[in-house]
Protein backbone atom coordinates (compact mmCIF):
# COMPACT_ATOMS: atom_id res chain seq x y z
CA UNK A 1 99.45 101.55 134.58
CA UNK A 2 103.07 100.43 134.58
CA UNK A 3 102.08 96.85 135.44
CA UNK A 4 99.51 96.83 132.64
CA UNK A 5 102.12 98.13 130.18
CA UNK A 6 104.60 95.46 131.32
CA UNK A 7 101.92 92.78 130.84
CA UNK A 8 101.22 94.10 127.32
CA UNK A 9 104.90 94.20 126.33
CA UNK A 10 105.70 90.78 127.70
CA UNK A 11 102.94 89.01 125.78
CA UNK A 12 104.36 86.52 123.30
CA UNK A 13 102.82 88.17 120.25
CA UNK A 14 104.46 91.54 120.91
CA UNK A 15 107.89 89.99 121.43
CA UNK A 16 107.51 87.84 118.29
CA UNK A 17 106.43 90.89 116.30
CA UNK A 18 109.40 92.97 117.50
CA UNK A 19 111.84 90.20 116.60
CA UNK A 20 110.19 89.95 113.18
CA UNK A 21 110.50 93.70 112.61
CA UNK A 22 114.20 93.68 113.53
CA UNK A 23 114.92 90.71 111.25
CA UNK A 24 112.82 92.32 108.50
CA UNK A 25 114.84 95.53 108.72
CA UNK A 26 118.10 93.61 108.44
CA UNK A 27 116.70 91.56 105.54
CA UNK A 28 115.60 94.74 103.79
CA UNK A 29 119.15 96.14 104.01
CA UNK A 30 120.47 92.94 102.40
CA UNK A 31 117.88 93.12 99.63
CA UNK A 32 118.59 96.82 99.02
CA UNK A 33 122.28 96.05 98.68
CA UNK A 34 121.53 93.16 96.34
CA UNK A 35 119.39 95.40 94.13
CA UNK A 36 121.71 98.41 94.01
CA UNK A 37 125.02 96.50 93.96
CA UNK A 38 124.23 93.29 92.05
CA UNK A 39 121.03 93.56 89.98
CA UNK A 40 121.04 97.15 88.76
CA UNK A 41 124.64 97.41 87.40
CA UNK A 42 124.18 94.56 84.85
CA UNK A 43 120.71 95.85 84.00
CA UNK A 44 122.15 99.32 83.42
CA UNK A 45 124.93 97.82 81.30
CA UNK A 46 122.36 96.02 79.14
CA UNK A 47 120.44 99.27 78.72
CA UNK A 48 123.47 101.17 77.40
CA UNK A 49 125.61 101.77 80.47
CA UNK A 50 122.86 103.55 82.42
CA UNK A 51 123.55 104.08 86.13
CA UNK A 52 120.10 103.94 87.69
CA UNK A 53 121.20 105.71 90.87
CA UNK A 54 122.06 108.72 88.67
CA UNK A 55 118.84 108.61 86.69
CA UNK A 56 117.15 111.90 87.57
CA UNK A 57 115.29 114.85 86.09
CA UNK A 58 116.25 118.41 87.01
CA UNK A 59 113.15 120.44 87.91
CA UNK A 60 115.03 123.58 88.91
CA UNK A 61 118.78 124.17 88.47
CA UNK A 62 120.88 125.06 91.46
CA UNK A 63 121.91 128.61 92.22
CA UNK A 64 125.65 127.89 92.36
CA UNK A 65 126.09 125.69 89.25
CA UNK A 66 123.89 125.63 86.16
CA UNK A 67 122.53 122.40 84.59
CA UNK A 68 123.39 119.86 83.17
CA UNK A 69 124.82 117.85 86.06
CA UNK A 70 127.00 114.75 85.69
CA UNK A 71 125.51 112.93 88.66
CA UNK A 72 122.75 113.15 91.22
CA UNK A 73 125.26 114.03 93.94
CA UNK A 74 126.58 116.92 91.78
CA UNK A 75 123.02 118.20 91.26
CA UNK A 76 122.26 117.98 94.97
CA UNK A 77 125.55 119.70 95.84
CA UNK A 78 124.60 122.55 93.48
CA UNK A 79 121.23 122.87 95.23
CA UNK A 80 119.17 121.68 92.25
CA UNK A 81 115.65 120.34 92.70
CA UNK A 82 115.46 116.86 91.14
CA UNK A 83 113.13 113.93 90.59
CA UNK A 84 115.19 110.88 91.53
CA UNK A 85 113.71 108.26 89.20
CA UNK A 86 116.61 105.81 89.59
CA UNK A 87 116.32 105.76 93.38
CA UNK A 88 112.59 105.13 93.06
CA UNK A 89 113.24 102.29 90.62
CA UNK A 90 115.76 100.74 93.04
CA UNK A 91 113.23 101.04 95.88
CA UNK A 92 110.43 99.46 93.82
CA UNK A 93 112.62 96.51 92.83
CA UNK A 94 113.75 96.09 96.45
CA UNK A 95 110.13 96.14 97.61
CA UNK A 96 109.11 93.55 95.03
CA UNK A 97 111.93 91.22 96.08
CA UNK A 98 111.08 91.60 99.78
CA UNK A 99 107.36 91.10 99.04
CA UNK A 100 108.12 87.96 97.00
CA UNK A 101 110.27 86.54 99.80
CA UNK A 102 107.60 87.26 102.41
CA UNK A 103 104.93 85.73 100.14
CA UNK A 104 106.99 82.56 99.74
CA UNK A 105 107.64 82.37 103.49
CA UNK A 106 103.94 82.83 104.36
CA UNK A 107 102.98 80.27 101.71
CA UNK A 108 105.40 77.75 103.28
CA UNK A 109 104.11 78.48 106.79
CA UNK A 110 100.49 78.06 105.65
CA UNK A 111 101.36 74.76 103.98
CA UNK A 112 103.05 73.51 107.16
CA UNK A 113 100.09 74.65 109.29
CA UNK A 114 97.65 72.90 106.95
CA UNK A 115 99.59 69.65 107.34
CA UNK A 116 99.66 70.05 111.09
CA UNK A 117 95.97 70.93 111.43
CA UNK A 118 94.60 68.14 109.22
CA UNK A 119 93.12 65.65 111.69
CA UNK A 120 93.38 61.96 111.01
CA UNK A 121 90.11 60.52 109.77
CA UNK A 122 88.17 58.48 112.29
CA UNK A 123 88.36 54.77 111.52
CA UNK A 124 85.22 53.20 110.08
CA UNK A 125 86.36 49.58 110.42
CA UNK A 126 88.01 47.32 112.97
CA UNK A 127 89.65 43.91 112.86
CA UNK A 128 87.82 40.85 114.05
CA UNK A 129 89.79 39.46 117.02
CA UNK A 130 89.16 35.89 115.82
CA UNK A 131 89.80 35.92 112.04
CA UNK A 132 91.60 39.32 111.70
CA UNK A 133 89.36 40.45 108.82
CA UNK A 134 88.13 44.04 108.49
CA UNK A 135 84.54 44.55 109.70
CA UNK A 136 82.40 47.66 110.31
CA UNK A 137 82.91 49.37 113.66
CA UNK A 138 79.29 48.89 114.71
CA UNK A 139 79.25 45.15 113.90
CA UNK A 140 78.27 42.79 116.73
CA UNK A 141 79.02 39.68 114.70
CA UNK A 142 81.84 39.07 112.22
CA UNK A 143 80.57 38.65 108.66
CA UNK A 144 83.49 36.40 107.78
CA UNK A 145 83.78 33.93 110.67
CA UNK A 146 80.37 34.66 112.30
CA UNK A 147 82.00 35.10 115.72
CA UNK A 148 80.05 37.10 118.25
CA UNK A 149 81.78 40.36 119.15
CA UNK A 150 81.51 42.38 122.35
């Protein structure tokens, strides 16, 4: 069983997939930072200085401190039950950016594979060895110089 597991793990597809998952996780962290640190602050500023990470709805106030809460962290510290709409919005935007990047990458790979897989068309003509004119491949005599071909 151990040998079979080793054979499974060492297959090229499994190793490629694991490398892809690790790179994807690192790429997702970069995209999440780009969304929360670069895209959302200007968007919040345009919408009237809204901080999307603090965009939440209190479902049940906390026992230690009553509502309203200045920030999501204050609500969570008070033990309030909240719907974190801003965090969901950040996650949706991050997902859309990652999905767009993956789509573009797959589209590029498919285009490159299509170029690689397109076979060259089989020739339908050849040159006459005597007059160098193009003649059909099946010709036994040149139509231009009337030479007999082998």
